Protein backbone atom coordinates (compact mmCIF):
# COMPACT_ATOMS: atom_id res chain seq x y z
CA ALA A 1 60.27 127.63 -107.33
CA TRP A 2 59.12 131.12 -106.40
CA TRP A 3 59.34 132.26 -110.02
CA ALA A 4 57.04 129.45 -111.17
CA ASN A 5 54.39 130.50 -108.65
CA PHE A 6 54.77 134.17 -109.59
CA LEU A 7 54.32 133.42 -113.29
CA LEU A 8 51.29 131.23 -112.57
CA ALA A 9 49.74 134.01 -110.50
CA VAL A 10 50.32 136.55 -113.27
CA LEU A 11 49.44 134.44 -116.31
CA VAL A 12 46.67 132.15 -115.07
CA HIS A 13 43.42 133.24 -113.51
CA ASN A 14 43.71 131.57 -110.15
CA GLY A 15 42.15 132.20 -106.80
CA PRO A 16 42.88 134.88 -104.25
CA LEU A 17 44.37 132.37 -101.81
CA PHE A 18 47.12 131.41 -104.26
CA ARG A 19 47.81 135.06 -105.04
CA GLY A 20 48.01 135.84 -101.32
CA ILE A 21 50.52 133.03 -100.87
CA VAL A 22 52.56 134.39 -103.79
CA ALA A 23 52.59 137.86 -102.19
CA CYS A 24 53.74 136.44 -98.85
CA ASN A 25 56.47 134.39 -100.48
CA ALA A 26 57.59 137.30 -102.67
CA ALA A 27 58.20 139.38 -99.58
CA THR A 28 60.16 136.61 -97.89
CA VAL A 29 62.24 135.95 -101.02
CA ALA A 30 63.26 139.61 -101.03
CA ILE A 31 63.94 139.64 -97.28
CA GLY A 32 65.99 136.44 -97.45
CA TRP A 33 67.90 137.38 -100.62
CA TYR A 34 68.85 140.92 -99.72
CA GLY A 35 69.21 140.21 -96.00
CA ALA A 36 71.66 137.39 -96.70
CA GLN A 37 73.72 139.77 -98.82
CA ILE A 38 73.89 142.26 -95.96
CA LEU A 39 74.93 139.52 -93.54
CA LEU A 40 77.39 137.95 -96.00
CA PRO A 41 78.55 140.59 -98.50
CA GLY A 42 80.47 138.11 -100.66
CA ALA A 43 77.38 135.97 -101.32
CA PHE A 44 76.21 137.97 -104.33
CA ARG A 45 79.61 137.84 -105.98
CA ALA A 46 79.86 134.09 -105.32
CA LEU A 47 76.44 133.51 -106.91
CA VAL A 48 77.35 135.64 -109.94
CA ASP A 49 80.48 133.53 -110.37
CA VAL A 50 78.60 130.22 -110.09
CA TRP A 51 75.52 131.16 -112.12
CA VAL A 52 76.96 133.57 -114.71
CA VAL A 53 80.76 133.62 -114.99
CA VAL A 54 81.49 129.89 -114.88
CA PRO A 55 78.72 128.89 -117.34
CA LEU A 56 79.64 131.69 -119.75
CA THR A 57 83.34 130.85 -119.70
CA ARG A 58 82.50 127.19 -120.38
CA VAL A 59 79.90 127.43 -123.14
CA ALA A 60 80.03 130.91 -124.66
CA PRO A 61 81.97 131.55 -127.87
CA CYS A 62 85.66 132.33 -127.26
CA GLY A 63 85.25 136.09 -127.72
CA ILE A 64 82.50 136.34 -125.12
CA SER A 65 84.22 133.88 -122.80
CA SER A 66 87.48 135.82 -122.79
CA MET A 67 85.65 139.14 -122.35
CA VAL A 68 83.79 137.76 -119.31
CA SER A 69 87.05 136.40 -117.87
CA GLN A 70 88.72 139.79 -118.27
CA MET A 71 85.82 141.83 -116.89
CA GLN A 72 84.63 139.61 -114.03
CA ASP A 73 86.68 141.46 -111.41
CA THR A 74 85.76 144.99 -112.50
CA ALA A 75 83.31 147.36 -110.86
CA ALA A 76 81.47 147.70 -114.18
CA PHE A 77 80.81 143.95 -114.27
CA LEU A 78 79.40 144.04 -110.76
CA VAL A 79 77.15 146.98 -111.70
CA VAL A 80 75.84 145.04 -114.70
CA ALA A 81 75.26 142.01 -112.45
CA ARG A 82 73.35 144.16 -109.94
CA CYS A 83 71.21 145.58 -112.76
CA GLY A 84 70.46 142.04 -113.90
CA ASP A 85 69.56 141.09 -110.35
CA MET A 86 67.04 143.93 -110.28
CA PHE A 87 65.10 142.02 -112.96
CA VAL A 88 65.54 138.61 -111.33
CA HIS A 89 64.72 139.50 -107.71
CA PHE A 90 63.89 143.10 -106.85
CA ILE A 91 61.35 144.04 -109.53
CA PRO A 92 59.52 140.66 -109.58
CA THR A 93 59.19 140.44 -105.79
CA LEU A 94 58.12 144.07 -105.51
CA THR A 95 55.66 143.58 -108.37
CA ALA A 96 54.16 140.47 -106.77
CA VAL A 97 53.73 142.21 -103.43
CA TYR A 98 52.17 145.23 -105.15
CA MET A 99 49.83 143.16 -107.34
CA PHE A 100 48.74 140.59 -104.78
CA ALA A 101 49.06 142.17 -101.32
CA SER A 102 45.31 142.74 -101.23
CA HIS A 103 44.92 138.94 -101.27
CA ILE A 104 46.97 138.39 -98.11
CA THR A 105 44.65 136.93 -95.50
CA LEU A 106 45.16 134.89 -92.37
CA THR A 107 44.63 131.75 -94.45
CA ALA A 108 47.19 132.83 -97.07
CA ALA A 109 49.74 133.69 -94.39
CA LEU A 110 49.17 130.35 -92.64
CA ALA A 111 49.42 128.49 -95.96
CA SER A 112 52.70 130.30 -96.71
CA LEU A 113 54.32 129.15 -93.48
CA PRO A 114 55.32 125.64 -94.66
CA CYS A 115 56.46 126.78 -98.13
CA SER A 116 60.14 126.96 -97.17
CA LEU A 117 59.90 123.47 -95.67
CA MET A 118 58.26 122.20 -98.86
CA TYR A 119 61.15 123.71 -100.84
CA LEU A 120 63.62 122.04 -98.49
CA ALA A 121 61.89 118.69 -98.99
CA ALA A 122 61.54 119.13 -102.77
CA THR A 123 65.28 119.69 -103.10
CA GLY A 124 66.00 116.49 -101.19
CA SER A 125 67.87 118.42 -98.54
CA ALA A 126 68.36 117.06 -95.06
CA SER A 127 69.31 120.43 -93.60
CA LEU A 128 68.94 124.11 -94.42
CA ALA A 129 72.57 124.34 -95.53
CA ASP A 130 72.07 121.41 -97.92
CA THR A 131 70.08 123.70 -100.21
CA ASN A 132 73.42 125.28 -101.13
CA ARG A 133 73.79 122.37 -103.57
CA ILE A 134 71.35 124.33 -105.73
CA TYR A 135 72.95 127.73 -105.25
CA GLY A 136 76.59 126.70 -105.23
CA VAL A 137 77.96 129.49 -103.03
CA ARG A 138 81.65 128.96 -102.30
CA PRO A 139 82.97 129.04 -99.72
CA GLU A 140 80.04 127.41 -97.95
CA PRO A 141 78.07 130.13 -96.13
CA PRO A 142 77.96 129.95 -92.35
CA ARG A 143 74.99 128.24 -90.74
CA TYR A 144 73.51 131.55 -89.52
CA ILE A 145 72.91 132.62 -93.14
CA TRP A 146 70.63 129.65 -93.77
CA GLN A 147 68.94 130.17 -90.43
CA PHE A 148 68.31 133.79 -91.38
CA ILE A 149 66.92 132.95 -94.84
CA TYR A 150 64.54 130.26 -93.62
CA GLY A 151 63.88 131.86 -90.24
CA SER A 152 62.96 135.22 -91.78
CA HIS A 153 60.36 133.42 -93.88
CA VAL A 154 58.78 131.86 -90.81
CA ALA A 155 58.99 135.09 -88.77
CA PHE A 156 57.46 137.17 -91.57
CA CYS A 157 54.61 134.72 -92.12
CA ILE A 158 53.88 134.58 -88.39
CA GLY A 159 53.94 138.39 -88.31
CA LEU A 160 51.43 138.45 -91.17
CA CYS A 161 49.24 135.95 -89.33
CA VAL A 162 49.22 138.21 -86.27
CA ALA A 163 48.55 141.31 -88.38
CA CYS A 164 45.69 139.58 -90.19
CA ALA A 165 44.18 138.28 -86.95
CA LEU A 166 44.34 141.73 -85.37
CA SER A 167 42.94 143.51 -88.41
CA GLY A 168 40.05 141.20 -89.14
CA ASP A 169 41.73 138.84 -91.66
CA ARG A 170 43.58 141.22 -94.02
CA ALA A 171 47.20 142.33 -93.65
């Protein structure tokens, strides 16, 4: 969901409010993603297994499938996965914050607040942990991970609201 908004903000001429919301959400995606990995070090590896290893071993040609199976537990494989993650999370979120931070206003920060709840509703989830149906982390992460991911979004947006209010509407 975040990627779709980021691409819209980059490719389509849209208003400063939307770009401010994208900047706020980019920051919280990075905080939630990397913070969860600090709190639960095995999360990244579990996601790589679910989103890369399992699909490749199922649908890739036999040569690639067997190579992935052999390499999945090596340090080199994890380094390649981390490099790939740089292009999926780190660079895009940093780029969005850099490009659109000047559009963060009190209104953008306030509008960003319910975004995680909209995501929760859009996924049909009844609880924060239910969103793991999308991510597929096994074993199921502890409840505090989901509280951190969603709570850090709310805390960051509230912090931006305060910063904007104190600085005359710009973060």
